[in-house]
Amino acid sequence: MTPILLALAFVPVTLAGRFWKHPVIKALTLAVSTAVGALNLALIAAAGTWCAVGISLLFGLPVENRSIAFAFYGAGAVVMIYGLLNAAQLRVTRVTVALPNLPPVWVGRTAALVTDLHLGNIRGVGFARDVVARLAALGPDAVFIAGDLFDGAAIDHEAAAAPWSKLVAPLGIYFVTGNHDEFACRTAVLAAVRRAGIHVLDNAKIDLQGLQVVGVHDAEASDPGLFREILSRIRVSREKPSILLSHQPANLPIPEEAGISLQLSGHTHAGQFWPWSTLVRRFYGPFAYGLHRFRRLLVLTSSGAGTWGPPLRIGTRSEIVLIKFE
């Protein structure tokens, strides 16, 4: 009964965390989020138990119902522990991307794609330090943060973003907001990011030694008319390669029509665990995770460094994506 009550408290506790900063809310957020994951697995175990009991009765198998339930719920507990440990392991996924008209100076260079840290009441400054340390060890030429650096909780944004000031990337660190960053005051979020030495691509384009890097914030990219207007104003050159930072792998015809070469996204978390992983794939199709092509546009979606809701991953991974350009 306790996990059920905690799971039911997920929404009110999450909402409270957006307005109030308190150690009790932080502890409750971890408890209710974990309970949601446990309840999800318990429901799967219950379904498996009933199916197995039905098969046992149908074929007259000499198996006690209690033994069947113990096996399924025991397996659920083991999977839960694995999911929590798996989500806490930050891995590096290496991808090679070929871009047309890539300047010779970019051939062989690397850039890191980092999304969905969700710094808030579950993961905080310590997690940000871990991510920055891993990036420093990888030594990419540029770092692209494609949204949801923050979770939307009432936290000290400046303190949470501060570890990024220790990271040095020769060609810079770039950021656009995700939907969770928009839950807080965007001005405060962007101010904290800028103080940490991160360059905010404020619906704008920069030229990095012949590579066009474009950033559109999530609120604007989620509005097809506004998204199209911004990209039209930016005027991406089709003669040069271009990268678009846009939090969600959505509205893809718009950047494709604008001549973008590669879109970098996150948001999906690859679903984190079943059945949400299946639902995410149904909604986003192949663009839910990995590198795929939409007509002339390449789309690279990361499963994210952090998690949202239950801090567990089953069949997915917490990752930094290291891109090598050809």
C-alpha atoms as a PDB file:
ATOM      1  CA  MET A   1       0.000   0.000   0.000  1.00  0.00           C
ATOM      2  CA  THR A   2       2.854   2.419   0.782  1.00  0.00           C
ATOM      3  CA  PRO A   3       4.307   2.381  -2.763  1.00  0.00           C
ATOM      4  CA  ILE A   4       0.821   3.044  -4.150  1.00  0.00           C
ATOM      5  CA  LEU A   5       0.267   6.027  -1.842  1.00  0.00           C
ATOM      6  CA  LEU A   6       3.704   7.397  -2.681  1.00  0.00           C
ATOM      7  CA  ALA A   7       3.058   6.969  -6.401  1.00  0.00           C
ATOM      8  CA  LEU A   8      -0.255   8.813  -6.083  1.00  0.00           C
ATOM      9  CA  ALA A   9       1.635  11.663  -4.405  1.00  0.00           C
ATOM     10  CA  PHE A  10       3.949  12.045  -7.421  1.00  0.00           C
ATOM     11  CA  VAL A  11       2.003  14.847  -9.126  1.00  0.00           C
ATOM     12  CA  PRO A  12       1.359  17.033  -6.038  1.00  0.00           C
ATOM     13  CA  VAL A  13       4.926  16.604  -4.776  1.00  0.00           C
ATOM     14  CA  THR A  14       6.345  17.444  -8.223  1.00  0.00           C
ATOM     15  CA  LEU A  15       4.169  20.548  -8.434  1.00  0.00           C
ATOM     16  CA  ALA A  16       5.181  21.596  -4.918  1.00  0.00           C
ATOM     17  CA  GLY A  17       8.832  21.232  -5.920  1.00  0.00           C
ATOM     18  CA  ARG A  18       8.357  23.830  -8.645  1.00  0.00           C
ATOM     19  CA  PHE A  19       7.359  26.506  -6.164  1.00  0.00           C
ATOM     20  CA  TRP A  20       9.166  25.658  -2.918  1.00  0.00           C
ATOM     21  CA  LYS A  21      12.742  24.718  -2.140  1.00  0.00           C
ATOM     22  CA  HIS A  22      13.019  22.552   0.972  1.00  0.00           C
ATOM     23  CA  PRO A  23      14.950  19.406   2.010  1.00  0.00           C
ATOM     24  CA  VAL A  24      11.671  17.627   2.791  1.00  0.00           C
ATOM     25  CA  ILE A  25      10.380  18.248  -0.742  1.00  0.00           C
ATOM     26  CA  LYS A  26      13.683  17.008  -2.149  1.00  0.00           C
ATOM     27  CA  ALA A  27      13.447  13.775  -0.129  1.00  0.00           C
ATOM     28  CA  LEU A  28       9.790  13.291  -1.042  1.00  0.00           C
ATOM     29  CA  THR A  29      10.532  13.834  -4.733  1.00  0.00           C
ATOM     30  CA  LEU A  30      13.061  10.997  -4.715  1.00  0.00           C
ATOM     31  CA  ALA A  31      10.681   8.745  -2.756  1.00  0.00           C
ATOM     32  CA  VAL A  32       7.593   9.303  -4.907  1.00  0.00           C
ATOM     33  CA  SER A  33       9.547   9.114  -8.175  1.00  0.00           C
ATOM     34  CA  THR A  34      11.094   5.799  -7.161  1.00  0.00           C
ATOM     35  CA  ALA A  35       7.665   4.549  -6.057  1.00  0.00           C
ATOM     36  CA  VAL A  36       6.221   5.287  -9.506  1.00  0.00           C
ATOM     37  CA  GLY A  37       8.876   3.053 -11.049  1.00  0.00           C
ATOM     38  CA  ALA A  38       8.271   0.329  -8.455  1.00  0.00           C
ATOM     39  CA  LEU A  39       4.526   0.447  -9.064  1.00  0.00           C
ATOM     40  CA  ASN A  40       5.083   0.196 -12.814  1.00  0.00           C
ATOM     41  CA  LEU A  41       7.122  -2.985 -12.348  1.00  0.00           C
ATOM     42  CA  ALA A  42       4.650  -4.339  -9.773  1.00  0.00           C
ATOM     43  CA  LEU A  43       1.810  -4.021 -12.272  1.00  0.00           C
ATOM     44  CA  ILE A  44       3.857  -5.901 -14.869  1.00  0.00           C
ATOM     45  CA  ALA A  45       4.633  -8.585 -12.274  1.00  0.00           C
ATOM     46  CA  ALA A  46       0.934  -8.831 -11.398  1.00  0.00           C
ATOM     47  CA  ALA A  47      -0.014  -9.261 -15.056  1.00  0.00           C
ATOM     48  CA  GLY A  48       2.664 -11.913 -15.484  1.00  0.00           C
ATOM     49  CA  THR A  49       1.481 -13.715 -12.354  1.00  0.00           C
ATOM     50  CA  TRP A  50      -2.142 -13.864 -13.492  1.00  0.00           C
ATOM     51  CA  CYS A  51      -1.129 -15.111 -16.944  1.00  0.00           C
ATOM     52  CA  ALA A  52       1.111 -17.810 -15.448  1.00  0.00           C
ATOM     53  CA  VAL A  53      -1.604 -18.879 -12.982  1.00  0.00           C
ATOM     54  CA  GLY A  54      -4.091 -19.102 -15.831  1.00  0.00           C
ATOM     55  CA  ILE A  55      -1.710 -21.278 -17.873  1.00  0.00           C
ATOM     56  CA  SER A  56      -1.031 -23.445 -14.816  1.00  0.00           C
ATOM     57  CA  LEU A  57      -4.748 -24.034 -14.250  1.00  0.00           C
ATOM     58  CA  LEU A  58      -5.418 -24.630 -17.947  1.00  0.00           C
ATOM     59  CA  PHE A  59      -2.797 -27.349 -18.239  1.00  0.00           C
ATOM     60  CA  GLY A  60      -3.118 -28.671 -14.694  1.00  0.00           C
ATOM     61  CA  LEU A  61       0.481 -27.930 -13.782  1.00  0.00           C
ATOM     62  CA  PRO A  62       1.510 -28.758 -10.204  1.00  0.00           C
ATOM     63  CA  VAL A  63       2.710 -25.246  -9.356  1.00  0.00           C
ATOM     64  CA  GLU A  64       1.492 -23.264  -6.356  1.00  0.00           C
ATOM     65  CA  ASN A  65       0.069 -19.814  -7.068  1.00  0.00           C
ATOM     66  CA  ARG A  66       2.195 -18.413  -4.257  1.00  0.00           C
ATOM     67  CA  SER A  67       5.367 -19.721  -5.898  1.00  0.00           C
ATOM     68  CA  ILE A  68       4.383 -18.130  -9.189  1.00  0.00           C
ATOM     69  CA  ALA A  69       3.734 -14.776  -7.520  1.00  0.00           C
ATOM     70  CA  PHE A  70       7.006 -14.980  -5.608  1.00  0.00           C
ATOM     71  CA  ALA A  71       8.924 -15.622  -8.846  1.00  0.00           C
ATOM     72  CA  PHE A  72       7.385 -12.701 -10.730  1.00  0.00           C
ATOM     73  CA  TYR A  73       7.534 -10.161  -7.920  1.00  0.00           C
ATOM     74  CA  GLY A  74      11.051 -11.306  -7.010  1.00  0.00           C
ATOM     75  CA  ALA A  75      12.121 -10.781 -10.611  1.00  0.00           C
ATOM     76  CA  GLY A  76      10.474  -7.361 -10.507  1.00  0.00           C
ATOM     77  CA  ALA A  77      12.527  -6.410  -7.445  1.00  0.00           C
ATOM     78  CA  VAL A  78      15.745  -7.516  -9.136  1.00  0.00           C
ATOM     79  CA  VAL A  79      14.881  -5.537 -12.278  1.00  0.00           C
ATOM     80  CA  MET A  80      14.090  -2.492 -10.130  1.00  0.00           C
ATOM     81  CA  ILE A  81      17.519  -2.590  -8.506  1.00  0.00           C
ATOM     82  CA  TYR A  82      19.161  -3.062 -11.899  1.00  0.00           C
ATOM     83  CA  GLY A  83      17.184  -0.129 -13.339  1.00  0.00           C
ATOM     84  CA  LEU A  84      18.292   2.204 -10.544  1.00  0.00           C
ATOM     85  CA  LEU A  85      21.944   1.202 -10.906  1.00  0.00           C
ATOM     86  CA  ASN A  86      21.802   1.351 -14.704  1.00  0.00           C
ATOM     87  CA  ALA A  87      20.351   4.884 -14.679  1.00  0.00           C
ATOM     88  CA  ALA A  88      23.180   6.036 -12.401  1.00  0.00           C
ATOM     89  CA  GLN A  89      25.855   4.880 -14.889  1.00  0.00           C
ATOM     90  CA  LEU A  90      26.742   7.642 -17.344  1.00  0.00           C
ATOM     91  CA  ARG A  91      28.037   6.145 -20.584  1.00  0.00           C
ATOM     92  CA  VAL A  92      29.591   7.553 -23.747  1.00  0.00           C
ATOM     93  CA  THR A  93      28.014   6.786 -27.121  1.00  0.00           C
ATOM     94  CA  ARG A  94      30.277   7.452 -30.095  1.00  0.00           C
ATOM     95  CA  VAL A  95      28.745   8.417 -33.436  1.00  0.00           C
ATOM     96  CA  THR A  96      30.385   9.360 -36.733  1.00  0.00           C
ATOM     97  CA  VAL A  97      28.444  11.875 -38.830  1.00  0.00           C
ATOM     98  CA  ALA A  98      29.205  12.755 -42.444  1.00  0.00           C
ATOM     99  CA  LEU A  99      28.129  16.279 -43.405  1.00  0.00           C
ATOM    100  CA  PRO A 100      28.148  17.612 -46.982  1.00  0.00           C
ATOM    101  CA  ASN A 101      30.584  20.439 -47.763  1.00  0.00           C
ATOM    102  CA  LEU A 102      32.314  19.999 -44.405  1.00  0.00           C
ATOM    103  CA  PRO A 103      35.324  22.358 -44.196  1.00  0.00           C
ATOM    104  CA  PRO A 104      38.669  20.486 -44.015  1.00  0.00           C
ATOM    105  CA  VAL A 105      39.324  22.052 -40.598  1.00  0.00           C
ATOM    106  CA  TRP A 106      36.311  20.138 -39.217  1.00  0.00           C
ATOM    107  CA  VAL A 107      37.244  16.719 -40.568  1.00  0.00           C
ATOM    108  CA  GLY A 108      38.059  14.463 -37.619  1.00  0.00           C
ATOM    109  CA  ARG A 109      36.942  16.986 -35.030  1.00  0.00           C
ATOM    110  CA  THR A 110      34.546  15.984 -32.242  1.00  0.00           C
ATOM    111  CA  ALA A 111      31.611  17.592 -30.478  1.00  0.00           C
ATOM    112  CA  ALA A 112      29.707  16.337 -27.444  1.00  0.00           C
ATOM    113  CA  LEU A 113      25.922  16.304 -27.330  1.00  0.00           C
ATOM    114  CA  VAL A 114      24.549  16.515 -23.792  1.00  0.00           C
ATOM    115  CA  THR A 115      20.846  16.694 -23.010  1.00  0.00           C
ATOM    116  CA  ASP A 116      18.355  16.195 -20.215  1.00  0.00           C
ATOM    117  CA  LEU A 117      20.452  16.472 -17.074  1.00  0.00           C
ATOM    118  CA  HIS A 118      17.268  17.526 -15.240  1.00  0.00           C
ATOM    119  CA  LEU A 119      19.119  19.220 -12.404  1.00  0.00           C
ATOM    120  CA  GLY A 120      16.626  19.643  -9.589  1.00  0.00           C
ATOM    121  CA  ASN A 121      15.460  17.712  -6.557  1.00  0.00           C
ATOM    122  CA  ILE A 122      16.804  14.306  -7.604  1.00  0.00           C
ATOM    123  CA  ARG A 123      20.039  15.183  -9.384  1.00  0.00           C
ATOM    124  CA  GLY A 124      21.903  18.337  -8.439  1.00  0.00           C
ATOM    125  CA  VAL A 125      25.309  19.965  -8.357  1.00  0.00           C
ATOM    126  CA  GLY A 126      27.139  16.682  -7.761  1.00  0.00           C
ATOM    127  CA  PHE A 127      25.676  15.182 -10.923  1.00  0.00           C
ATOM    128  CA  ALA A 128      26.581  18.308 -12.903  1.00  0.00           C
ATOM    129  CA  ARG A 129      30.175  17.949 -11.680  1.00  0.00           C
ATOM    130  CA  ASP A 130      30.236  14.302 -12.804  1.00  0.00           C
ATOM    131  CA  VAL A 131      28.997  15.219 -16.287  1.00  0.00           C
ATOM    132  CA  VAL A 132      31.523  18.044 -16.614  1.00  0.00           C
ATOM    133  CA  ALA A 133      34.352  15.754 -15.449  1.00  0.00           C
ATOM    134  CA  ARG A 134      33.408  13.140 -18.040  1.00  0.00           C
ATOM    135  CA  LEU A 135      33.296  15.787 -20.768  1.00  0.00           C
ATOM    136  CA  ALA A 136      36.676  17.141 -19.724  1.00  0.00           C
ATOM    137  CA  ALA A 137      38.141  13.636 -20.023  1.00  0.00           C
ATOM    138  CA  LEU A 138      36.675  13.255 -23.534  1.00  0.00           C
ATOM    139  CA  GLY A 139      38.095  16.605 -24.662  1.00  0.00           C
ATOM    140  CA  PRO A 140      35.595  17.516 -27.420  1.00  0.00           C
ATOM    141  CA  ASP A 141      36.225  20.566 -29.583  1.00  0.00           C
ATOM    142  CA  ALA A 142      32.696  21.849 -28.858  1.00  0.00           C
ATOM    143  CA  VAL A 143      29.859  20.954 -26.499  1.00  0.00           C
ATOM    144  CA  PHE A 144      26.180  21.238 -27.421  1.00  0.00           C
ATOM    145  CA  ILE A 145      23.554  21.189 -24.647  1.00  0.00           C
ATOM    146  CA  ALA A 146      20.194  20.550 -26.298  1.00  0.00           C
ATOM    147  CA  GLY A 147      17.857  21.430 -23.465  1.00  0.00           C
ATOM    148  CA  ASP A 148      16.483  20.334 -20.094  1.00  0.00           C
ATOM    149  CA  LEU A 149      19.636  21.256 -18.232  1.00  0.00           C
ATOM    150  CA  PHE A 150      17.237  21.945 -15.354  1.00  0.00           C
ATOM    151  CA  ASP A 151      14.208  19.966 -14.212  1.00  0.00           C
ATOM    152  CA  GLY A 152      11.880  22.891 -13.488  1.00  0.00           C
ATOM    153  CA  ALA A 153      12.159  22.625  -9.717  1.00  0.00           C
ATOM    154  CA  ALA A 154      12.717  25.618  -7.436  1.00  0.00           C
ATOM    155  CA  ILE A 155      16.498  25.422  -7.079  1.00  0.00           C
ATOM    156  CA  ASP A 156      19.465  27.746  -7.121  1.00  0.00           C
ATOM    157  CA  HIS A 157      20.048  27.755 -10.879  1.00  0.00           C
ATOM    158  CA  GLU A 158      23.335  29.590 -10.607  1.00  0.00           C
ATOM    159  CA  ALA A 159      24.786  27.057  -8.151  1.00  0.00           C
ATOM    160  CA  ALA A 160      23.530  24.125 -10.234  1.00  0.00           C
ATOM    161  CA  ALA A 161      25.087  25.543 -13.418  1.00  0.00           C
ATOM    162  CA  ALA A 162      28.363  26.621 -11.757  1.00  0.00           C
ATOM    163  CA  PRO A 163      30.312  23.364 -12.452  1.00  0.00           C
ATOM    164  CA  TRP A 164      30.135  24.144 -16.177  1.00  0.00           C
ATOM    165  CA  SER A 165      32.455  27.104 -15.625  1.00  0.00           C
ATOM    166  CA  LYS A 166      35.272  24.565 -15.067  1.00  0.00           C
ATOM    167  CA  LEU A 167      34.856  23.009 -18.513  1.00  0.00           C
ATOM    168  CA  VAL A 168      37.034  24.224 -21.375  1.00  0.00           C
ATOM    169  CA  ALA A 169      36.060  23.418 -24.956  1.00  0.00           C
ATOM    170  CA  PRO A 170      38.247  25.046 -27.658  1.00  0.00           C
ATOM    171  CA  LEU A 171      35.257  26.053 -29.807  1.00  0.00           C
ATOM    172  CA  GLY A 172      32.830  26.745 -26.973  1.00  0.00           C
ATOM    173  CA  ILE A 173      29.799  25.349 -25.142  1.00  0.00           C
ATOM    174  CA  TYR A 174      26.335  26.104 -26.559  1.00  0.00           C
ATOM    175  CA  PHE A 175      22.838  25.838 -25.074  1.00  0.00           C
ATOM    176  CA  VAL A 176      19.155  26.016 -25.953  1.00  0.00           C
ATOM    177  CA  THR A 177      16.272  25.492 -23.558  1.00  0.00           C
ATOM    178  CA  GLY A 178      14.150  22.382 -23.253  1.00  0.00           C
ATOM    179  CA  ASN A 179      10.555  22.217 -22.076  1.00  0.00           C
ATOM    180  CA  HIS A 180      11.586  21.702 -18.428  1.00  0.00           C
ATOM    181  CA  ASP A 181      13.901  24.718 -18.551  1.00  0.00           C
ATOM    182  CA  GLU A 182      10.843  26.705 -19.604  1.00  0.00           C
ATOM    183  CA  PHE A 183       8.942  25.698 -16.441  1.00  0.00           C
ATOM    184  CA  ALA A 184      11.089  28.153 -14.493  1.00  0.00           C
ATOM    185  CA  CYS A 185      11.671  31.794 -15.382  1.00  0.00           C
ATOM    186  CA  ARG A 186      13.575  31.662 -18.674  1.00  0.00           C
ATOM    187  CA  THR A 187      15.427  34.874 -17.847  1.00  0.00           C
ATOM    188  CA  ALA A 188      16.793  33.370 -14.626  1.00  0.00           C
ATOM    189  CA  VAL A 189      17.755  30.121 -16.351  1.00  0.00           C
ATOM    190  CA  LEU A 190      19.580  31.841 -19.207  1.00  0.00           C
ATOM    191  CA  ALA A 191      21.315  34.236 -16.828  1.00  0.00           C
ATOM    192  CA  ALA A 192      22.647  31.307 -14.756  1.00  0.00           C
ATOM    193  CA  VAL A 193      23.808  29.499 -17.886  1.00  0.00           C
ATOM    194  CA  ARG A 194      25.602  32.572 -19.200  1.00  0.00           C
ATOM    195  CA  ARG A 195      27.348  33.164 -15.867  1.00  0.00           C
ATOM    196  CA  ALA A 196      28.719  29.630 -16.110  1.00  0.00           C
ATOM    197  CA  GLY A 197      30.409  30.582 -19.382  1.00  0.00           C
ATOM    198  CA  ILE A 198      27.972  28.798 -21.674  1.00  0.00           C
ATOM    199  CA  HIS A 199      26.970  30.528 -24.913  1.00  0.00           C
ATOM    200  CA  VAL A 200      23.189  30.747 -25.269  1.00  0.00           C
ATOM    201  CA  LEU A 201      21.983  30.346 -28.853  1.00  0.00           C
ATOM    202  CA  ASP A 202      19.010  32.651 -28.440  1.00  0.00           C
ATOM    203  CA  ASN A 203      17.093  31.701 -31.593  1.00  0.00           C
ATOM    204  CA  ALA A 204      20.216  32.640 -33.493  1.00  0.00           C
ATOM    205  CA  LYS A 205      23.067  31.374 -35.675  1.00  0.00           C
ATOM    206  CA  ILE A 206      26.812  31.545 -35.275  1.00  0.00           C
ATOM    207  CA  ASP A 207      29.612  30.484 -37.616  1.00  0.00           C
ATOM    208  CA  LEU A 208      32.184  28.117 -36.161  1.00  0.00           C
ATOM    209  CA  GLN A 209      35.005  28.046 -38.685  1.00  0.00           C
ATOM    210  CA  GLY A 210      32.669  27.320 -41.581  1.00  0.00           C
ATOM    211  CA  LEU A 211      30.136  25.229 -39.652  1.00  0.00           C
ATOM    212  CA  GLN A 212      26.816  27.008 -39.054  1.00  0.00           C
ATOM    213  CA  VAL A 213      25.444  26.332 -35.561  1.00  0.00           C
ATOM    214  CA  VAL A 214      21.815  27.320 -35.018  1.00  0.00           C
ATOM    215  CA  GLY A 215      19.839  27.213 -31.781  1.00  0.00           C
ATOM    216  CA  VAL A 216      16.081  27.531 -31.291  1.00  0.00           C
ATOM    217  CA  HIS A 217      14.560  27.378 -27.803  1.00  0.00           C
ATOM    218  CA  ASP A 218      11.921  24.746 -27.130  1.00  0.00           C
ATOM    219  CA  ALA A 219       8.960  27.098 -26.730  1.00  0.00           C
ATOM    220  CA  GLU A 220       9.600  28.587 -30.149  1.00  0.00           C
ATOM    221  CA  ALA A 221      10.513  25.288 -31.846  1.00  0.00           C
ATOM    222  CA  SER A 222       7.247  23.764 -30.576  1.00  0.00           C
ATOM    223  CA  ASP A 223       5.251  26.409 -32.469  1.00  0.00           C
ATOM    224  CA  PRO A 224       5.487  25.465 -36.176  1.00  0.00           C
ATOM    225  CA  GLY A 225       4.738  28.982 -37.427  1.00  0.00           C
ATOM    226  CA  LEU A 226       7.246  30.626 -35.115  1.00  0.00           C
ATOM    227  CA  PHE A 227       9.835  27.906 -35.754  1.00  0.00           C
ATOM    228  CA  ARG A 228       9.583  28.441 -39.517  1.00  0.00           C
ATOM    229  CA  GLU A 229       9.761  32.225 -39.085  1.00  0.00           C
ATOM    230  CA  ILE A 230      12.924  32.039 -36.961  1.00  0.00           C
ATOM    231  CA  LEU A 231      14.748  29.732 -39.364  1.00  0.00           C
ATOM    232  CA  SER A 232      13.687  31.932 -42.276  1.00  0.00           C
ATOM    233  CA  ARG A 233      15.085  35.000 -40.521  1.00  0.00           C
ATOM    234  CA  ILE A 234      18.328  33.207 -39.652  1.00  0.00           C
ATOM    235  CA  ARG A 235      18.861  32.291 -43.327  1.00  0.00           C
ATOM    236  CA  VAL A 236      20.920  29.141 -43.206  1.00  0.00           C
ATOM    237  CA  SER A 237      23.275  28.860 -46.171  1.00  0.00           C
ATOM    238  CA  ARG A 238      22.769  25.620 -48.081  1.00  0.00           C
ATOM    239  CA  GLU A 239      26.348  25.864 -49.347  1.00  0.00           C
ATOM    240  CA  LYS A 240      27.744  25.294 -45.854  1.00  0.00           C
ATOM    241  CA  PRO A 241      27.034  22.484 -43.343  1.00  0.00           C
ATOM    242  CA  SER A 242      24.763  23.388 -40.458  1.00  0.00           C
ATOM    243  CA  ILE A 243      23.800  22.028 -37.046  1.00  0.00           C
ATOM    244  CA  LEU A 244      20.522  22.869 -35.314  1.00  0.00           C
ATOM    245  CA  LEU A 245      20.076  22.525 -31.563  1.00  0.00           C
ATOM    246  CA  SER A 246      16.374  21.881 -30.949  1.00  0.00           C
ATOM    247  CA  HIS A 247      15.262  20.028 -27.845  1.00  0.00           C
ATOM    248  CA  GLN A 248      12.563  17.826 -29.363  1.00  0.00           C
ATOM    249  CA  PRO A 249      12.902  15.704 -32.526  1.00  0.00           C
ATOM    250  CA  ALA A 250       9.642  17.202 -33.774  1.00  0.00           C
ATOM    251  CA  ASN A 251       8.404  19.457 -36.601  1.00  0.00           C
ATOM    252  CA  LEU A 252      11.185  17.973 -38.731  1.00  0.00           C
ATOM    253  CA  PRO A 253       9.873  19.201 -42.108  1.00  0.00           C
ATOM    254  CA  ILE A 254      10.627  22.778 -40.998  1.00  0.00           C
ATOM    255  CA  PRO A 255      14.410  22.462 -40.457  1.00  0.00           C
ATOM    256  CA  GLU A 256      14.633  20.124 -43.451  1.00  0.00           C
ATOM    257  CA  GLU A 257      13.027  22.738 -45.684  1.00  0.00           C
ATOM    258  CA  ALA A 258      15.314  25.411 -44.213  1.00  0.00           C
ATOM    259  CA  GLY A 259      18.364  23.462 -45.381  1.00  0.00           C
ATOM    260  CA  ILE A 260      19.668  22.267 -41.998  1.00  0.00           C
ATOM    261  CA  SER A 261      22.208  19.440 -42.321  1.00  0.00           C
ATOM    262  CA  LEU A 262      22.009  17.929 -38.813  1.00  0.00           C
ATOM    263  CA  GLN A 263      19.561  18.404 -35.937  1.00  0.00           C
ATOM    264  CA  LEU A 264      20.663  17.544 -32.386  1.00  0.00           C
ATOM    265  CA  SER A 265      17.865  16.734 -29.931  1.00  0.00           C
ATOM    266  CA  GLY A 266      16.999  14.988 -26.686  1.00  0.00           C
ATOM    267  CA  HIS A 267      13.712  15.074 -24.740  1.00  0.00           C
ATOM    268  CA  THR A 268      12.602  11.496 -25.382  1.00  0.00           C
ATOM    269  CA  HIS A 269      14.906   9.765 -22.854  1.00  0.00           C
ATOM    270  CA  ALA A 270      14.320   6.804 -25.237  1.00  0.00           C
ATOM    271  CA  GLY A 271      11.364   6.156 -22.919  1.00  0.00           C
ATOM    272  CA  GLN A 272      13.624   5.085 -19.989  1.00  0.00           C
ATOM    273  CA  PHE A 273      11.730   1.801 -19.424  1.00  0.00           C
ATOM    274  CA  TRP A 274       8.792  -0.229 -20.717  1.00  0.00           C
ATOM    275  CA  PRO A 275       5.961   0.514 -21.533  1.00  0.00           C
ATOM    276  CA  TRP A 276       7.051   4.150 -21.945  1.00  0.00           C
ATOM    277  CA  SER A 277       9.872   3.165 -24.307  1.00  0.00           C
ATOM    278  CA  THR A 278       7.307   1.606 -26.641  1.00  0.00           C
ATOM    279  CA  LEU A 279       5.008   4.621 -26.412  1.00  0.00           C
ATOM    280  CA  VAL A 280       7.879   7.007 -27.172  1.00  0.00           C
ATOM    281  CA  ARG A 281       8.821   4.988 -30.262  1.00  0.00           C
ATOM    282  CA  ARG A 282       5.203   5.010 -31.407  1.00  0.00           C
ATOM    283  CA  PHE A 283       5.062   8.807 -31.046  1.00  0.00           C
ATOM    284  CA  TYR A 284       8.467   9.808 -32.460  1.00  0.00           C
ATOM    285  CA  GLY A 285       9.074   6.834 -34.728  1.00  0.00           C
ATOM    286  CA  PRO A 286      12.742   6.192 -35.573  1.00  0.00           C
ATOM    287  CA  PHE A 287      13.658   9.663 -34.275  1.00  0.00           C
ATOM    288  CA  ALA A 288      12.980   8.601 -30.674  1.00  0.00           C
ATOM    289  CA  TYR A 289      16.644   7.647 -30.384  1.00  0.00           C
ATOM    290  CA  GLY A 290      19.829   7.524 -32.404  1.00  0.00           C
ATOM    291  CA  LEU A 291      20.921   8.858 -35.781  1.00  0.00           C
ATOM    292  CA  HIS A 292      18.358   8.748 -38.580  1.00  0.00           C
ATOM    293  CA  ARG A 293      17.611  10.602 -41.795  1.00  0.00           C
ATOM    294  CA  PHE A 294      14.495  12.650 -42.565  1.00  0.00           C
ATOM    295  CA  ARG A 295      14.750  13.378 -46.298  1.00  0.00           C
ATOM    296  CA  ARG A 296      17.913  15.517 -46.550  1.00  0.00           C
ATOM    297  CA  LEU A 297      18.049  16.176 -42.784  1.00  0.00           C
ATOM    298  CA  LEU A 298      20.044  14.042 -40.353  1.00  0.00           C
ATOM    299  CA  VAL A 299      18.520  13.839 -36.870  1.00  0.00           C
ATOM    300  CA  LEU A 300      20.537  12.695 -33.864  1.00  0.00           C
ATOM    301  CA  THR A 301      18.501  12.147 -30.686  1.00  0.00           C
ATOM    302  CA  SER A 302      20.172  11.375 -27.372  1.00  0.00           C
ATOM    303  CA  SER A 303      18.510   9.417 -24.567  1.00  0.00           C
ATOM    304  CA  GLY A 304      19.899  12.037 -22.170  1.00  0.00           C
ATOM    305  CA  ALA A 305      22.349  12.101 -19.305  1.00  0.00           C
ATOM    306  CA  GLY A 306      19.742  12.167 -16.550  1.00  0.00           C
ATOM    307  CA  THR A 307      16.224  10.918 -15.979  1.00  0.00           C
ATOM    308  CA  TRP A 308      12.784  12.371 -15.396  1.00  0.00           C
ATOM    309  CA  GLY A 309      10.324  10.873 -12.926  1.00  0.00           C
ATOM    310  CA  PRO A 310      11.527   7.443 -11.788  1.00  0.00           C
ATOM    311  CA  PRO A 311      15.344   7.495 -11.628  1.00  0.00           C
ATOM    312  CA  LEU A 312      15.668   4.177 -13.432  1.00  0.00           C
ATOM    313  CA  ARG A 313      16.429   2.882 -16.905  1.00  0.00           C
ATOM    314  CA  ILE A 314      15.645  -0.556 -18.274  1.00  0.00           C
ATOM    315  CA  GLY A 315      16.641  -1.206 -21.862  1.00  0.00           C
ATOM    316  CA  THR A 316      17.967   2.356 -22.232  1.00  0.00           C
ATOM    317  CA  ARG A 317      21.073   4.188 -21.059  1.00  0.00           C
ATOM    318  CA  SER A 318      22.148   7.506 -19.582  1.00  0.00           C
ATOM    319  CA  GLU A 319      24.616   8.939 -22.045  1.00  0.00           C
ATOM    320  CA  ILE A 320      26.828  11.634 -23.466  1.00  0.00           C
ATOM    321  CA  VAL A 321      27.057  11.427 -27.253  1.00  0.00           C
ATOM    322  CA  LEU A 322      30.484  12.084 -28.764  1.00  0.00           C
ATOM    323  CA  ILE A 323      30.163  13.035 -32.431  1.00  0.00           C
ATOM    324  CA  LYS A 324      33.058  12.698 -34.855  1.00  0.00           C
ATOM    325  CA  PHE A 325      32.651  14.649 -38.078  1.00  0.00           C
ATOM    326  CA  GLU A 326      33.511  13.434 -41.555  1.00  0.00           C
END
